[in-house]
Amino acid sequence: MKTISLNLPEDVLAASSKAANALRLSRAAYIRQAVERMNREIEMRQRAERMAQASRKCRGESMRVNAEFAAIERDPDA
């Protein structure tokens, strides 16, 4: 495990210490878990955005295919 140095505003540090104590965690463990949670949230947001982009790409193709089927339904001999 690597070590980092972190500067926090006094109020953030105090709130972190209070929350860590309430959870019976060390302040370091609390901050580590907070960073891990934020990393997971960012990964989920990025995954959702990639899925939305893929959906937008597929939407255009789906509309073209649906139009082709609709044309065939209107004129089966076409």
PDB file of N, CA and C in Angstrom:
ATOM      1  N   MET A   1       0.855  -1.170   0.000  1.00  0.00           N
ATOM      2  CA  MET A   1       0.000   0.000   0.000  1.00  0.00           C
ATOM      3  C   MET A   1       0.901   1.233   0.000  1.00  0.00           C
ATOM      4  N   LYS A   2       0.522   2.222  -0.783  1.00  0.00           N
ATOM      5  CA  LYS A   2       1.282   3.466  -0.864  1.00  0.00           C
ATOM      6  C   LYS A   2       0.760   4.465   0.165  1.00  0.00           C
ATOM      7  N   THR A   3       1.600   5.403   0.512  1.00  0.00           N
ATOM      8  CA  THR A   3       1.244   6.463   1.454  1.00  0.00           C
ATOM      9  C   THR A   3       1.141   7.774   0.702  1.00  0.00           C
ATOM     10  N   ILE A   4       0.128   8.573   1.066  1.00  0.00           N
ATOM     11  CA  ILE A   4      -0.006   9.911   0.485  1.00  0.00           C
ATOM     12  C   ILE A   4      -0.142  10.921   1.613  1.00  0.00           C
ATOM     13  N   SER A   5       0.125  12.158   1.279  1.00  0.00           N
ATOM     14  CA  SER A   5      -0.090  13.258   2.208  1.00  0.00           C
ATOM     15  C   SER A   5      -1.289  14.028   1.691  1.00  0.00           C
ATOM     16  N   LEU A   6      -2.160  14.437   2.589  1.00  0.00           N
ATOM     17  CA  LEU A   6      -3.410  15.059   2.182  1.00  0.00           C
ATOM     18  C   LEU A   6      -3.671  16.291   3.035  1.00  0.00           C
ATOM     19  N   ASN A   7      -3.910  17.414   2.383  1.00  0.00           N
ATOM     20  CA  ASN A   7      -4.287  18.637   3.089  1.00  0.00           C
ATOM     21  C   ASN A   7      -5.786  18.824   2.956  1.00  0.00           C
ATOM     22  N   LEU A   8      -6.454  18.953   4.096  1.00  0.00           N
ATOM     23  CA  LEU A   8      -7.896  19.146   4.105  1.00  0.00           C
ATOM     24  C   LEU A   8      -8.243  20.399   4.893  1.00  0.00           C
ATOM     25  N   PRO A   9      -9.309  21.083   4.500  1.00  0.00           N
ATOM     26  CA  PRO A   9      -9.780  22.195   5.326  1.00  0.00           C
ATOM     27  C   PRO A   9     -10.159  21.671   6.714  1.00  0.00           C
ATOM     28  N   GLU A  10     -10.003  22.516   7.709  1.00  0.00           N
ATOM     29  CA  GLU A  10     -10.266  22.097   9.101  1.00  0.00           C
ATOM     30  C   GLU A  10     -11.667  21.517   9.274  1.00  0.00           C
ATOM     31  N   ASP A  11     -12.669  22.145   8.652  1.00  0.00           N
ATOM     32  CA  ASP A  11     -14.038  21.664   8.829  1.00  0.00           C
ATOM     33  C   ASP A  11     -14.244  20.285   8.199  1.00  0.00           C
ATOM     34  N   VAL A  12     -13.607  20.020   7.065  1.00  0.00           N
ATOM     35  CA  VAL A  12     -13.713  18.706   6.430  1.00  0.00           C
ATOM     36  C   VAL A  12     -13.003  17.663   7.284  1.00  0.00           C
ATOM     37  N   LEU A  13     -11.859  18.009   7.811  1.00  0.00           N
ATOM     38  CA  LEU A  13     -11.117  17.089   8.676  1.00  0.00           C
ATOM     39  C   LEU A  13     -11.915  16.774   9.940  1.00  0.00           C
ATOM     40  N   ALA A  14     -12.513  17.798  10.538  1.00  0.00           N
ATOM     41  CA  ALA A  14     -13.309  17.587  11.753  1.00  0.00           C
ATOM     42  C   ALA A  14     -14.515  16.704  11.456  1.00  0.00           C
ATOM     43  N   ALA A  15     -15.198  16.974  10.345  1.00  0.00           N
ATOM     44  CA  ALA A  15     -16.365  16.164   9.987  1.00  0.00           C
ATOM     45  C   ALA A  15     -15.946  14.724   9.698  1.00  0.00           C
ATOM     46  N   SER A  16     -14.815  14.543   9.047  1.00  0.00           N
ATOM     47  CA  SER A  16     -14.311  13.195   8.754  1.00  0.00           C
ATOM     48  C   SER A  16     -13.977  12.448  10.034  1.00  0.00           C
ATOM     49  N   SER A  17     -13.355  13.132  10.968  1.00  0.00           N
ATOM     50  CA  SER A  17     -13.013  12.506  12.252  1.00  0.00           C
ATOM     51  C   SER A  17     -14.264  12.113  13.006  1.00  0.00           C
ATOM     52  N   LYS A  18     -15.257  12.984  13.017  1.00  0.00           N
ATOM     53  CA  LYS A  18     -16.512  12.708  13.720  1.00  0.00           C
ATOM     54  C   LYS A  18     -17.217  11.503  13.102  1.00  0.00           C
ATOM     55  N   ALA A  19     -17.290  11.476  11.766  1.00  0.00           N
ATOM     56  CA  ALA A  19     -17.945  10.361  11.083  1.00  0.00           C
ATOM     57  C   ALA A  19     -17.174   9.060  11.302  1.00  0.00           C
ATOM     58  N   ALA A  20     -15.860   9.127  11.227  1.00  0.00           N
ATOM     59  CA  ALA A  20     -15.034   7.933  11.444  1.00  0.00           C
ATOM     60  C   ALA A  20     -15.257   7.377  12.844  1.00  0.00           C
ATOM     61  N   ASN A  21     -15.286   8.261  13.831  1.00  0.00           N
ATOM     62  CA  ASN A  21     -15.529   7.819  15.208  1.00  0.00           C
ATOM     63  C   ASN A  21     -16.894   7.167  15.345  1.00  0.00           C
ATOM     64  N   ALA A  22     -17.903   7.746  14.699  1.00  0.00           N
ATOM     65  CA  ALA A  22     -19.254   7.191  14.781  1.00  0.00           C
ATOM     66  C   ALA A  22     -19.313   5.796  14.163  1.00  0.00           C
ATOM     67  N   LEU A  23     -18.504   5.573  13.155  1.00  0.00           N
ATOM     68  CA  LEU A  23     -18.463   4.271  12.494  1.00  0.00           C
ATOM     69  C   LEU A  23     -17.430   3.327  13.103  1.00  0.00           C
ATOM     70  N   ARG A  24     -16.742   3.813  14.127  1.00  0.00           N
ATOM     71  CA  ARG A  24     -15.674   3.051  14.792  1.00  0.00           C
ATOM     72  C   ARG A  24     -14.577   2.646  13.799  1.00  0.00           C
ATOM     73  N   LEU A  25     -14.201   3.619  12.970  1.00  0.00           N
ATOM     74  CA  LEU A  25     -13.108   3.443  12.018  1.00  0.00           C
ATOM     75  C   LEU A  25     -12.024   4.447  12.340  1.00  0.00           C
ATOM     76  N   SER A  26     -10.818   4.121  11.914  1.00  0.00           N
ATOM     77  CA  SER A  26      -9.778   5.144  11.997  1.00  0.00           C
ATOM     78  C   SER A  26     -10.092   6.191  10.935  1.00  0.00           C
ATOM     79  N   ARG A  27      -9.562   7.368  11.115  1.00  0.00           N
ATOM     80  CA  ARG A  27      -9.784   8.419  10.124  1.00  0.00           C
ATOM     81  C   ARG A  27      -9.217   7.990   8.770  1.00  0.00           C
ATOM     82  N   ALA A  28      -8.064   7.335   8.777  1.00  0.00           N
ATOM     83  CA  ALA A  28      -7.452   6.863   7.530  1.00  0.00           C
ATOM     84  C   ALA A  28      -8.362   5.848   6.833  1.00  0.00           C
ATOM     85  N   ALA A  29      -8.939   4.911   7.597  1.00  0.00           N
ATOM     86  CA  ALA A  29      -9.839   3.910   7.012  1.00  0.00           C
ATOM     87  C   ALA A  29     -11.087   4.584   6.454  1.00  0.00           C
ATOM     88  N   TYR A  30     -11.593   5.569   7.171  1.00  0.00           N
ATOM     89  CA  TYR A  30     -12.772   6.301   6.711  1.00  0.00           C
ATOM     90  C   TYR A  30     -12.487   7.011   5.382  1.00  0.00           C
ATOM     91  N   ILE A  31     -11.368   7.703   5.317  1.00  0.00           N
ATOM     92  CA  ILE A  31     -11.009   8.431   4.093  1.00  0.00           C
ATOM     93  C   ILE A  31     -10.743   7.448   2.956  1.00  0.00           C
ATOM     94  N   ARG A  32     -10.087   6.329   3.249  1.00  0.00           N
ATOM     95  CA  ARG A  32      -9.828   5.311   2.235  1.00  0.00           C
ATOM     96  C   ARG A  32     -11.153   4.784   1.659  1.00  0.00           C
ATOM     97  N   GLN A  33     -12.122   4.503   2.540  1.00  0.00           N
ATOM     98  CA  GLN A  33     -13.419   4.007   2.084  1.00  0.00           C
ATOM     99  C   GLN A  33     -14.169   5.070   1.283  1.00  0.00           C
ATOM    100  N   ALA A  34     -14.029   6.320   1.684  1.00  0.00           N
ATOM    101  CA  ALA A  34     -14.673   7.405   0.950  1.00  0.00           C
ATOM    102  C   ALA A  34     -14.108   7.516  -0.464  1.00  0.00           C
ATOM    103  N   VAL A  35     -12.795   7.385  -0.593  1.00  0.00           N
ATOM    104  CA  VAL A  35     -12.162   7.440  -1.916  1.00  0.00           C
ATOM    105  C   VAL A  35     -12.595   6.241  -2.747  1.00  0.00           C
ATOM    106  N   GLU A  36     -12.641   5.060  -2.133  1.00  0.00           N
ATOM    107  CA  GLU A  36     -13.075   3.861  -2.854  1.00  0.00           C
ATOM    108  C   GLU A  36     -14.511   4.015  -3.349  1.00  0.00           C
ATOM    109  N   ARG A  37     -15.370   4.564  -2.509  1.00  0.00           N
ATOM    110  CA  ARG A  37     -16.770   4.774  -2.898  1.00  0.00           C
ATOM    111  C   ARG A  37     -16.865   5.753  -4.067  1.00  0.00           C
ATOM    112  N   MET A  38     -16.114   6.841  -3.998  1.00  0.00           N
ATOM    113  CA  MET A  38     -16.132   7.824  -5.081  1.00  0.00           C
ATOM    114  C   MET A  38     -15.617   7.202  -6.374  1.00  0.00           C
ATOM    115  N   ASN A  39     -14.581   6.381  -6.284  1.00  0.00           N
ATOM    116  CA  ASN A  39     -14.056   5.696  -7.470  1.00  0.00           C
ATOM    117  C   ASN A  39     -15.130   4.816  -8.102  1.00  0.00           C
ATOM    118  N   ARG A  40     -15.874   4.071  -7.276  1.00  0.00           N
ATOM    119  CA  ARG A  40     -16.943   3.214  -7.798  1.00  0.00           C
ATOM    120  C   ARG A  40     -18.039   4.049  -8.459  1.00  0.00           C
ATOM    121  N   GLU A  41     -18.408   5.166  -7.834  1.00  0.00           N
ATOM    122  CA  GLU A  41     -19.445   6.030  -8.399  1.00  0.00           C
ATOM    123  C   GLU A  41     -19.019   6.592  -9.755  1.00  0.00           C
ATOM    124  N   ILE A  42     -17.762   7.023  -9.848  1.00  0.00           N
ATOM    125  CA  ILE A  42     -17.262   7.552 -11.115  1.00  0.00           C
ATOM    126  C   ILE A  42     -17.281   6.459 -12.179  1.00  0.00           C
ATOM    127  N   GLU A  43     -16.849   5.255 -11.828  1.00  0.00           N
ATOM    128  CA  GLU A  43     -16.865   4.140 -12.782  1.00  0.00           C
ATOM    129  C   GLU A  43     -18.284   3.849 -13.256  1.00  0.00           C
ATOM    130  N   MET A  44     -19.261   3.879 -12.342  1.00  0.00           N
ATOM    131  CA  MET A  44     -20.652   3.626 -12.720  1.00  0.00           C
ATOM    132  C   MET A  44     -21.170   4.724 -13.645  1.00  0.00           C
ATOM    133  N   ARG A  45     -20.842   5.980 -13.363  1.00  0.00           N
ATOM    134  CA  ARG A  45     -21.272   7.084 -14.232  1.00  0.00           C
ATOM    135  C   ARG A  45     -20.661   6.949 -15.618  1.00  0.00           C
ATOM    136  N   GLN A  46     -19.374   6.620 -15.663  1.00  0.00           N
ATOM    137  CA  GLN A  46     -18.706   6.459 -16.956  1.00  0.00           C
ATOM    138  C   GLN A  46     -19.305   5.297 -17.742  1.00  0.00           C
ATOM    139  N   ARG A  47     -19.605   4.200 -17.051  1.00  0.00           N
ATOM    140  CA  ARG A  47     -20.227   3.045 -17.704  1.00  0.00           C
ATOM    141  C   ARG A  47     -21.607   3.427 -18.241  1.00  0.00           C
ATOM    142  N   ALA A  48     -22.378   4.166 -17.457  1.00  0.00           N
ATOM    143  CA  ALA A  48     -23.705   4.592 -17.894  1.00  0.00           C
ATOM    144  C   ALA A  48     -23.605   5.496 -19.118  1.00  0.00           C
ATOM    145  N   GLU A  49     -22.631   6.367 -19.144  1.00  0.00           N
ATOM    146  CA  GLU A  49     -22.451   7.251 -20.298  1.00  0.00           C
ATOM    147  C   GLU A  49     -22.059   6.459 -21.541  1.00  0.00           C
ATOM    148  N   ARG A  50     -21.179   5.470 -21.375  1.00  0.00           N
ATOM    149  CA  ARG A  50     -20.813   4.626 -22.520  1.00  0.00           C
ATOM    150  C   ARG A  50     -22.022   3.857 -23.039  1.00  0.00           C
ATOM    151  N   MET A  51     -22.864   3.378 -22.131  1.00  0.00           N
ATOM    152  CA  MET A  51     -24.079   2.666 -22.539  1.00  0.00           C
ATOM    153  C   MET A  51     -25.024   3.609 -23.274  1.00  0.00           C
ATOM    154  N   ALA A  52     -25.166   4.832 -22.791  1.00  0.00           N
ATOM    155  CA  ALA A  52     -26.032   5.810 -23.450  1.00  0.00           C
ATOM    156  C   ALA A  52     -25.513   6.137 -24.842  1.00  0.00           C
ATOM    157  N   GLN A  53     -24.201   6.267 -24.979  1.00  0.00           N
ATOM    158  CA  GLN A  53     -23.613   6.532 -26.298  1.00  0.00           C
ATOM    159  C   GLN A  53     -23.880   5.373 -27.249  1.00  0.00           C
ATOM    160  N   ALA A  54     -23.699   4.162 -26.774  1.00  0.00           N
ATOM    161  CA  ALA A  54     -23.954   2.988 -27.606  1.00  0.00           C
ATOM    162  C   ALA A  54     -25.430   2.925 -27.999  1.00  0.00           C
ATOM    163  N   SER A  55     -26.300   3.267 -27.069  1.00  0.00           N
ATOM    164  CA  SER A  55     -27.735   3.271 -27.349  1.00  0.00           C
ATOM    165  C   SER A  55     -28.078   4.292 -28.422  1.00  0.00           C
ATOM    166  N   ARG A  56     -27.465   5.481 -28.339  1.00  0.00           N
ATOM    167  CA  ARG A  56     -27.714   6.508 -29.357  1.00  0.00           C
ATOM    168  C   ARG A  56     -27.244   6.041 -30.732  1.00  0.00           C
ATOM    169  N   LYS A  57     -26.106   5.340 -30.779  1.00  0.00           N
ATOM    170  CA  LYS A  57     -25.605   4.825 -32.049  1.00  0.00           C
ATOM    171  C   LYS A  57     -26.572   3.786 -32.625  1.00  0.00           C
ATOM    172  N   CYS A  58     -27.065   2.903 -31.775  1.00  0.00           N
ATOM    173  CA  CYS A  58     -27.973   1.848 -32.226  1.00  0.00           C
ATOM    174  C   CYS A  58     -29.331   2.406 -32.612  1.00  0.00           C
ATOM    175  N   ARG A  59     -29.749   3.486 -31.979  1.00  0.00           N
ATOM    176  CA  ARG A  59     -31.070   4.049 -32.228  1.00  0.00           C
ATOM    177  C   ARG A  59     -31.230   4.416 -33.705  1.00  0.00           C
ATOM    178  N   GLY A  60     -30.244   5.062 -34.288  1.00  0.00           N
ATOM    179  CA  GLY A  60     -30.325   5.445 -35.692  1.00  0.00           C
ATOM    180  C   GLY A  60     -30.469   4.247 -36.605  1.00  0.00           C
ATOM    181  N   GLU A  61     -29.663   3.232 -36.360  1.00  0.00           N
ATOM    182  CA  GLU A  61     -29.736   2.011 -37.167  1.00  0.00           C
ATOM    183  C   GLU A  61     -31.089   1.334 -36.984  1.00  0.00           C
ATOM    184  N   SER A  62     -31.594   1.285 -35.766  1.00  0.00           N
ATOM    185  CA  SER A  62     -32.896   0.671 -35.494  1.00  0.00           C
ATOM    186  C   SER A  62     -34.008   1.407 -36.231  1.00  0.00           C
ATOM    187  N   MET A  63     -33.925   2.721 -36.277  1.00  0.00           N
ATOM    188  CA  MET A  63     -34.937   3.509 -36.984  1.00  0.00           C
ATOM    189  C   MET A  63     -34.915   3.184 -38.478  1.00  0.00           C
ATOM    190  N   ARG A  64     -33.724   3.028 -39.052  1.00  0.00           N
ATOM    191  CA  ARG A  64     -33.615   2.675 -40.472  1.00  0.00           C
ATOM    192  C   ARG A  64     -34.219   1.292 -40.737  1.00  0.00           C
ATOM    193  N   VAL A  65     -33.909   0.327 -39.890  1.00  0.00           N
ATOM    194  CA  VAL A  65     -34.437  -1.028 -40.049  1.00  0.00           C
ATOM    195  C   VAL A  65     -35.953  -1.008 -39.900  1.00  0.00           C
ATOM    196  N   ASN A  66     -36.460  -0.291 -38.908  1.00  0.00           N
ATOM    197  CA  ASN A  66     -37.913  -0.199 -38.720  1.00  0.00           C
ATOM    198  C   ASN A  66     -38.584   0.426 -39.932  1.00  0.00           C
ATOM    199  N   ALA A  67     -37.949   1.427 -40.524  1.00  0.00           N
ATOM    200  CA  ALA A  67     -38.509   2.060 -41.725  1.00  0.00           C
ATOM    201  C   ALA A  67     -38.556   1.066 -42.875  1.00  0.00           C
ATOM    202  N   GLU A  68     -37.545   0.244 -43.015  1.00  0.00           N
ATOM    203  CA  GLU A  68     -37.546  -0.772 -44.062  1.00  0.00           C
ATOM    204  C   GLU A  68     -38.683  -1.763 -43.864  1.00  0.00           C
ATOM    205  N   PHE A  69     -38.870  -2.223 -42.611  1.00  0.00           N
ATOM    206  CA  PHE A  69     -39.968  -3.144 -42.322  1.00  0.00           C
ATOM    207  C   PHE A  69     -41.317  -2.486 -42.586  1.00  0.00           C
ATOM    208  N   ALA A  70     -41.451  -1.238 -42.207  1.00  0.00           N
ATOM    209  CA  ALA A  70     -42.704  -0.519 -42.427  1.00  0.00           C
ATOM    210  C   ALA A  70     -43.005  -0.418 -43.927  1.00  0.00           C
ATOM    211  N   ALA A  71     -41.980  -0.158 -44.721  1.00  0.00           N
ATOM    212  CA  ALA A  71     -42.171  -0.073 -46.170  1.00  0.00           C
ATOM    213  C   ALA A  71     -42.625  -1.428 -46.713  1.00  0.00           C
ATOM    214  N   ILE A  72     -42.054  -2.504 -46.239  1.00  0.00           N
ATOM    215  CA  ILE A  72     -42.442  -3.849 -46.692  1.00  0.00           C
ATOM    216  C   ILE A  72     -43.878  -4.143 -46.278  1.00  0.00           C
ATOM    217  N   GLU A  73     -44.276  -3.749 -45.068  1.00  0.00           N
ATOM    218  CA  GLU A  73     -45.638  -3.980 -44.612  1.00  0.00           C
ATOM    219  C   GLU A  73     -46.642  -3.201 -45.452  1.00  0.00           C
ATOM    220  N   ARG A  74     -46.273  -2.001 -45.888  1.00  0.00           N
ATOM    221  CA  ARG A  74     -47.185  -1.194 -46.712  1.00  0.00           C
ATOM    222  C   ARG A  74     -47.304  -1.753 -48.126  1.00  0.00           C
ATOM    223  N   ASP A  75     -46.187  -2.286 -48.654  1.00  0.00           N
ATOM    224  CA  ASP A  75     -46.161  -2.802 -50.023  1.00  0.00           C
ATOM    225  C   ASP A  75     -45.324  -4.080 -50.064  1.00  0.00           C
ATOM    226  N   PRO A  76     -45.951  -5.220 -49.760  1.00  0.00           N
ATOM    227  CA  PRO A  76     -45.220  -6.484 -49.679  1.00  0.00           C
ATOM    228  C   PRO A  76     -44.516  -6.885 -50.974  1.00  0.00           C
ATOM    229  N   ASP A  77     -44.941  -6.330 -52.112  1.00  0.00           N
ATOM    230  CA  ASP A  77     -44.336  -6.701 -53.393  1.00  0.00           C
ATOM    231  C   ASP A  77     -43.154  -5.811 -53.752  1.00  0.00           C
ATOM    232  N   ALA A  78     -42.796  -4.864 -52.897  1.00  0.00           N
ATOM    233  CA  ALA A  78     -41.716  -3.930 -53.208  1.00  0.00           C
ATOM    234  C   ALA A  78     -40.365  -4.585 -53.138  1.00  0.00           C
TER     235      ALA A  78
END
